[in-house]
Amino acid sequence: MTNLGKKHVGESSTSQNKANKKNKRFRLIVEQIQQLKDFLKKCLHPDKDQLIQIGKEVGLNPKKIKTWFYNNKTQTKTQIEKSVNKTLRTENERFRSENIAMKEAMKKIICPQCDFERVRN
Protein backbone atom coordinates (compact mmCIF):
# COMPACT_ATOMS: atom_id res chain seq x y z
CA MET A 1 0.00 0.00 0.00
CA THR A 2 1.42 3.38 -0.96
CA ASN A 3 0.96 6.94 0.33
CA LEU A 4 0.82 8.52 -3.11
CA GLY A 5 -2.88 9.40 -2.98
CA LYS A 6 -2.89 10.56 0.65
CA LYS A 7 -2.22 14.11 1.73
CA HIS A 8 -0.37 14.96 4.89
CA VAL A 9 -1.84 17.51 7.27
CA GLY A 10 -1.31 21.04 5.93
CA GLU A 11 -0.07 19.83 2.56
CA SER A 12 -1.62 21.13 -0.62
CA SER A 13 -1.99 19.12 -3.80
CA THR A 14 0.61 21.31 -5.59
CA SER A 15 3.28 20.71 -2.95
CA GLN A 16 2.54 16.98 -3.10
CA ASN A 17 2.98 16.98 -6.88
CA LYS A 18 6.31 18.79 -6.54
CA ALA A 19 7.46 16.28 -3.93
CA ASN A 20 6.55 13.37 -6.21
CA LYS A 21 8.50 14.88 -9.12
CA LYS A 22 11.69 15.49 -7.12
CA ASN A 23 14.28 12.76 -7.13
CA LYS A 24 15.05 11.45 -3.71
CA ARG A 25 18.66 11.75 -2.65
CA PHE A 26 20.54 8.50 -2.45
CA ARG A 27 23.79 7.52 -0.81
CA LEU A 28 26.37 5.27 -2.39
CA ILE A 29 27.82 2.44 -0.36
CA VAL A 30 31.53 2.35 0.39
CA GLU A 31 32.25 -0.35 -2.20
CA GLN A 32 30.52 1.65 -4.95
CA ILE A 33 32.46 4.78 -4.06
CA GLN A 34 35.73 2.85 -4.07
CA GLN A 35 34.95 1.32 -7.48
CA LEU A 36 34.10 4.75 -8.89
CA LYS A 37 37.28 6.29 -7.45
CA ASP A 38 39.37 3.46 -8.93
CA PHE A 39 37.74 3.96 -12.32
CA LEU A 40 38.23 7.74 -12.08
CA LYS A 41 41.97 7.20 -11.54
CA LYS A 42 42.13 5.16 -14.75
CA CYS A 43 39.93 7.40 -16.88
CA LEU A 44 39.14 11.05 -16.08
CA HIS A 45 36.75 11.52 -19.00
CA PRO A 46 34.75 8.35 -19.62
CA ASP A 47 32.61 8.08 -22.72
CA LYS A 48 29.05 6.77 -22.83
CA ASP A 49 30.08 3.13 -23.27
CA GLN A 50 32.45 3.30 -20.33
CA LEU A 51 29.71 4.85 -18.17
CA ILE A 52 27.39 1.98 -19.10
CA GLN A 53 30.13 -0.56 -18.33
CA ILE A 54 30.98 0.89 -14.92
CA GLY A 55 27.26 1.25 -14.24
CA LYS A 56 26.78 -2.48 -14.67
CA GLU A 57 29.75 -3.22 -12.43
CA VAL A 58 28.66 -0.81 -9.69
CA GLY A 59 24.91 -1.32 -10.02
CA LEU A 60 23.94 2.27 -10.90
CA ASN A 61 22.60 3.91 -14.01
CA PRO A 62 25.07 5.89 -16.16
CA LYS A 63 23.40 9.24 -15.38
CA LYS A 64 24.06 8.83 -11.65
CA ILE A 65 27.65 7.82 -12.38
CA LYS A 66 28.14 10.82 -14.65
CA THR A 67 26.74 13.07 -11.90
CA TRP A 68 29.04 11.46 -9.33
CA PHE A 69 32.06 12.01 -11.61
CA TYR A 70 31.11 15.65 -12.13
CA ASN A 71 30.58 16.27 -8.41
CA ASN A 72 33.80 14.49 -7.49
CA LYS A 73 35.84 16.49 -10.00
CA THR A 74 34.28 19.72 -8.77
CA GLN A 75 34.99 18.81 -5.15
CA THR A 76 38.61 17.96 -5.97
CA LYS A 77 39.04 21.20 -7.90
CA THR A 78 37.62 23.18 -4.96
CA GLN A 79 39.98 21.48 -2.51
CA ILE A 80 42.97 22.26 -4.74
CA GLU A 81 41.88 25.89 -5.09
CA LYS A 82 41.52 26.22 -1.30
CA SER A 83 44.99 24.77 -0.81
CA VAL A 84 46.51 27.12 -3.40
CA ASN A 85 44.69 30.10 -1.87
CA LYS A 86 46.00 29.23 1.59
CA THR A 87 49.55 29.02 0.24
CA LEU A 88 49.16 32.35 -1.56
CA ARG A 89 47.74 34.02 1.57
CA THR A 90 50.70 32.79 3.61
CA GLU A 91 53.16 34.04 1.00
CA ASN A 92 51.34 37.37 0.77
CA GLU A 93 51.52 37.81 4.56
CA ARG A 94 55.25 37.07 4.48
CA PHE A 95 55.75 39.71 1.76
CA ARG A 96 53.74 42.24 3.79
CA SER A 97 55.93 41.61 6.84
CA GLU A 98 59.10 42.01 4.76
CA ASN A 99 57.72 45.19 3.21
CA ILE A 100 56.94 46.70 6.63
CA ALA A 101 60.42 45.78 7.88
CA MET A 102 62.03 47.39 4.83
CA LYS A 103 59.96 50.56 5.28
CA GLU A 104 61.05 50.79 8.91
CA ALA A 105 64.69 50.26 7.90
CA MET A 106 64.41 52.98 5.22
CA LYS A 107 63.18 55.46 7.82
CA LYS A 108 66.49 55.30 9.67
CA ILE A 109 69.15 55.45 7.01
CA ILE A 110 72.60 56.54 8.24
CA CYS A 111 74.57 58.79 5.93
CA PRO A 112 77.98 57.10 5.36
CA GLN A 113 79.80 60.43 4.86
CA CYS A 114 78.68 62.26 7.97
CA ASP A 115 77.41 59.47 10.28
CA PHE A 116 74.14 61.29 10.91
CA GLU A 117 70.80 59.61 10.76
CA ARG A 118 68.64 60.92 8.03
CA VAL A 119 65.01 60.70 8.96
CA ARG A 120 62.58 60.00 6.13
CA ASN A 121 58.84 60.35 6.40
C-alpha atoms as a PDB file:
ATOM      1  CA  MET A   1       0.000   0.000   0.000  1.00  0.00           C
ATOM      2  CA  THR A   2       1.425   3.382  -0.958  1.00  0.00           C
ATOM      3  CA  ASN A   3       0.959   6.936   0.331  1.00  0.00           C
ATOM      4  CA  LEU A   4       0.819   8.524  -3.114  1.00  0.00           C
ATOM      5  CA  GLY A   5      -2.875   9.398  -2.980  1.00  0.00           C
ATOM      6  CA  LYS A   6      -2.888  10.555   0.646  1.00  0.00           C
ATOM      7  CA  LYS A   7      -2.224  14.110   1.732  1.00  0.00           C
ATOM      8  CA  HIS A   8      -0.367  14.963   4.888  1.00  0.00           C
ATOM      9  CA  VAL A   9      -1.844  17.508   7.266  1.00  0.00           C
ATOM     10  CA  GLY A  10      -1.307  21.043   5.927  1.00  0.00           C
ATOM     11  CA  GLU A  11      -0.072  19.828   2.559  1.00  0.00           C
ATOM     12  CA  SER A  12      -1.619  21.127  -0.620  1.00  0.00           C
ATOM     13  CA  SER A  13      -1.986  19.122  -3.797  1.00  0.00           C
ATOM     14  CA  THR A  14       0.609  21.308  -5.590  1.00  0.00           C
ATOM     15  CA  SER A  15       3.276  20.710  -2.950  1.00  0.00           C
ATOM     16  CA  GLN A  16       2.540  16.975  -3.098  1.00  0.00           C
ATOM     17  CA  ASN A  17       2.984  16.976  -6.881  1.00  0.00           C
ATOM     18  CA  LYS A  18       6.312  18.786  -6.540  1.00  0.00           C
ATOM     19  CA  ALA A  19       7.465  16.277  -3.934  1.00  0.00           C
ATOM     20  CA  ASN A  20       6.551  13.367  -6.207  1.00  0.00           C
ATOM     21  CA  LYS A  21       8.500  14.881  -9.118  1.00  0.00           C
ATOM     22  CA  LYS A  22      11.685  15.490  -7.120  1.00  0.00           C
ATOM     23  CA  ASN A  23      14.284  12.763  -7.130  1.00  0.00           C
ATOM     24  CA  LYS A  24      15.053  11.450  -3.707  1.00  0.00           C
ATOM     25  CA  ARG A  25      18.660  11.748  -2.648  1.00  0.00           C
ATOM     26  CA  PHE A  26      20.541   8.496  -2.451  1.00  0.00           C
ATOM     27  CA  ARG A  27      23.788   7.524  -0.814  1.00  0.00           C
ATOM     28  CA  LEU A  28      26.366   5.268  -2.387  1.00  0.00           C
ATOM     29  CA  ILE A  29      27.817   2.442  -0.356  1.00  0.00           C
ATOM     30  CA  VAL A  30      31.534   2.352   0.390  1.00  0.00           C
ATOM     31  CA  GLU A  31      32.247  -0.352  -2.197  1.00  0.00           C
ATOM     32  CA  GLN A  32      30.516   1.648  -4.946  1.00  0.00           C
ATOM     33  CA  ILE A  33      32.465   4.780  -4.057  1.00  0.00           C
ATOM     34  CA  GLN A  34      35.728   2.855  -4.072  1.00  0.00           C
ATOM     35  CA  GLN A  35      34.951   1.325  -7.478  1.00  0.00           C
ATOM     36  CA  LEU A  36      34.097   4.749  -8.893  1.00  0.00           C
ATOM     37  CA  LYS A  37      37.280   6.286  -7.452  1.00  0.00           C
ATOM     38  CA  ASP A  38      39.368   3.460  -8.929  1.00  0.00           C
ATOM     39  CA  PHE A  39      37.743   3.962 -12.319  1.00  0.00           C
ATOM     40  CA  LEU A  40      38.233   7.737 -12.081  1.00  0.00           C
ATOM     41  CA  LYS A  41      41.972   7.200 -11.541  1.00  0.00           C
ATOM     42  CA  LYS A  42      42.127   5.161 -14.753  1.00  0.00           C
ATOM     43  CA  CYS A  43      39.933   7.402 -16.879  1.00  0.00           C
ATOM     44  CA  LEU A  44      39.142  11.050 -16.084  1.00  0.00           C
ATOM     45  CA  HIS A  45      36.755  11.519 -19.002  1.00  0.00           C
ATOM     46  CA  PRO A  46      34.751   8.349 -19.617  1.00  0.00           C
ATOM     47  CA  ASP A  47      32.605   8.080 -22.718  1.00  0.00           C
ATOM     48  CA  LYS A  48      29.046   6.768 -22.829  1.00  0.00           C
ATOM     49  CA  ASP A  49      30.076   3.126 -23.272  1.00  0.00           C
ATOM     50  CA  GLN A  50      32.455   3.303 -20.329  1.00  0.00           C
ATOM     51  CA  LEU A  51      29.710   4.848 -18.169  1.00  0.00           C
ATOM     52  CA  ILE A  52      27.393   1.979 -19.096  1.00  0.00           C
ATOM     53  CA  GLN A  53      30.132  -0.558 -18.329  1.00  0.00           C
ATOM     54  CA  ILE A  54      30.983   0.890 -14.923  1.00  0.00           C
ATOM     55  CA  GLY A  55      27.258   1.253 -14.238  1.00  0.00           C
ATOM     56  CA  LYS A  56      26.776  -2.479 -14.674  1.00  0.00           C
ATOM     57  CA  GLU A  57      29.753  -3.215 -12.426  1.00  0.00           C
ATOM     58  CA  VAL A  58      28.661  -0.807  -9.692  1.00  0.00           C
ATOM     59  CA  GLY A  59      24.913  -1.318 -10.021  1.00  0.00           C
ATOM     60  CA  LEU A  60      23.941   2.266 -10.902  1.00  0.00           C
ATOM     61  CA  ASN A  61      22.601   3.911 -14.006  1.00  0.00           C
ATOM     62  CA  PRO A  62      25.066   5.892 -16.164  1.00  0.00           C
ATOM     63  CA  LYS A  63      23.401   9.241 -15.380  1.00  0.00           C
ATOM     64  CA  LYS A  64      24.064   8.830 -11.650  1.00  0.00           C
ATOM     65  CA  ILE A  65      27.647   7.819 -12.378  1.00  0.00           C
ATOM     66  CA  LYS A  66      28.137  10.824 -14.647  1.00  0.00           C
ATOM     67  CA  THR A  67      26.745  13.069 -11.903  1.00  0.00           C
ATOM     68  CA  TRP A  68      29.038  11.464  -9.328  1.00  0.00           C
ATOM     69  CA  PHE A  69      32.059  12.006 -11.610  1.00  0.00           C
ATOM     70  CA  TYR A  70      31.107  15.653 -12.129  1.00  0.00           C
ATOM     71  CA  ASN A  71      30.584  16.274  -8.407  1.00  0.00           C
ATOM     72  CA  ASN A  72      33.799  14.491  -7.492  1.00  0.00           C
ATOM     73  CA  LYS A  73      35.843  16.493 -10.001  1.00  0.00           C
ATOM     74  CA  THR A  74      34.277  19.723  -8.767  1.00  0.00           C
ATOM     75  CA  GLN A  75      34.993  18.813  -5.155  1.00  0.00           C
ATOM     76  CA  THR A  76      38.613  17.958  -5.967  1.00  0.00           C
ATOM     77  CA  LYS A  77      39.037  21.202  -7.898  1.00  0.00           C
ATOM     78  CA  THR A  78      37.621  23.182  -4.965  1.00  0.00           C
ATOM     79  CA  GLN A  79      39.985  21.484  -2.508  1.00  0.00           C
ATOM     80  CA  ILE A  80      42.966  22.260  -4.739  1.00  0.00           C
ATOM     81  CA  GLU A  81      41.882  25.891  -5.087  1.00  0.00           C
ATOM     82  CA  LYS A  82      41.520  26.217  -1.303  1.00  0.00           C
ATOM     83  CA  SER A  83      44.994  24.772  -0.809  1.00  0.00           C
ATOM     84  CA  VAL A  84      46.508  27.124  -3.395  1.00  0.00           C
ATOM     85  CA  ASN A  85      44.686  30.100  -1.875  1.00  0.00           C
ATOM     86  CA  LYS A  86      45.998  29.227   1.586  1.00  0.00           C
ATOM     87  CA  THR A  87      49.550  29.019   0.237  1.00  0.00           C
ATOM     88  CA  LEU A  88      49.163  32.348  -1.558  1.00  0.00           C
ATOM     89  CA  ARG A  89      47.743  34.017   1.570  1.00  0.00           C
ATOM     90  CA  THR A  90      50.704  32.793   3.614  1.00  0.00           C
ATOM     91  CA  GLU A  91      53.157  34.036   1.002  1.00  0.00           C
ATOM     92  CA  ASN A  92      51.344  37.373   0.772  1.00  0.00           C
ATOM     93  CA  GLU A  93      51.520  37.811   4.559  1.00  0.00           C
ATOM     94  CA  ARG A  94      55.248  37.069   4.484  1.00  0.00           C
ATOM     95  CA  PHE A  95      55.748  39.710   1.761  1.00  0.00           C
ATOM     96  CA  ARG A  96      53.741  42.237   3.795  1.00  0.00           C
ATOM     97  CA  SER A  97      55.933  41.608   6.837  1.00  0.00           C
ATOM     98  CA  GLU A  98      59.099  42.013   4.765  1.00  0.00           C
ATOM     99  CA  ASN A  99      57.719  45.188   3.210  1.00  0.00           C
ATOM    100  CA  ILE A 100      56.938  46.702   6.628  1.00  0.00           C
ATOM    101  CA  ALA A 101      60.419  45.777   7.883  1.00  0.00           C
ATOM    102  CA  MET A 102      62.030  47.394   4.826  1.00  0.00           C
ATOM    103  CA  LYS A 103      59.957  50.561   5.277  1.00  0.00           C
ATOM    104  CA  GLU A 104      61.049  50.790   8.911  1.00  0.00           C
ATOM    105  CA  ALA A 105      64.687  50.263   7.895  1.00  0.00           C
ATOM    106  CA  MET A 106      64.406  52.979   5.223  1.00  0.00           C
ATOM    107  CA  LYS A 107      63.178  55.465   7.824  1.00  0.00           C
ATOM    108  CA  LYS A 108      66.492  55.303   9.673  1.00  0.00           C
ATOM    109  CA  ILE A 109      69.155  55.455   7.011  1.00  0.00           C
ATOM    110  CA  ILE A 110      72.602  56.540   8.238  1.00  0.00           C
ATOM    111  CA  CYS A 111      74.568  58.791   5.929  1.00  0.00           C
ATOM    112  CA  PRO A 112      77.980  57.098   5.361  1.00  0.00           C
ATOM    113  CA  GLN A 113      79.804  60.433   4.862  1.00  0.00           C
ATOM    114  CA  CYS A 114      78.681  62.259   7.966  1.00  0.00           C
ATOM    115  CA  ASP A 115      77.410  59.474  10.285  1.00  0.00           C
ATOM    116  CA  PHE A 116      74.137  61.291  10.906  1.00  0.00           C
ATOM    117  CA  GLU A 117      70.801  59.612  10.761  1.00  0.00           C
ATOM    118  CA  ARG A 118      68.642  60.917   8.026  1.00  0.00           C
ATOM    119  CA  VAL A 119      65.008  60.700   8.959  1.00  0.00           C
ATOM    120  CA  ARG A 120      62.579  59.996   6.128  1.00  0.00           C
ATOM    121  CA  ASN A 121      58.841  60.350   6.399  1.00  0.00           C
END
